């Protein structure tokens, strides 16, 4: 069984290299990459705190429509972008290589579409409920940090 092996055999390393795009014979290359998931987790935590405030405000009206809007939260706004980005980040952090890097870059760019001028983010940020939120700045910061970490990781590869 695999769990009784003390070191990977050469054929294991070949498989990892072929399938995952990671040179398993050079573990030092992976150790020099910055994990990306913690960057996005920090962004999501900041967004989630803002969403909770907005949800609380919406629910104070005891209105079925407002309650329904509050129930969807930020995931309703992202249209599946968060799920795609989180999956890509997990894959990348497990095996940082060009294929997983491309998936992260594509998912981050899809998220960045929310930052277009006159985006619905502006409507959330300027809500009339008296809730101070700034989805746009929070997302811009998180996506910028992801892009920078990807670029730094790429340049750190031998």
Foldseek 3Di string as FASTA:
>chain_A
DVVVDPDDDPVVQVCCCVPLVARPVCVVLLVPADQLVVLVVVLVVQQVVLLVLCLVLLVVVVDPVSNVVSVCTCVVVLVCLVVQLNVLSVSCNVRPHVVSLVSNVVSLVSSCVQLPPPHCQVCVCPDPSPRHDRNNVSSVVSSVVSVVSSVVSVVSGD
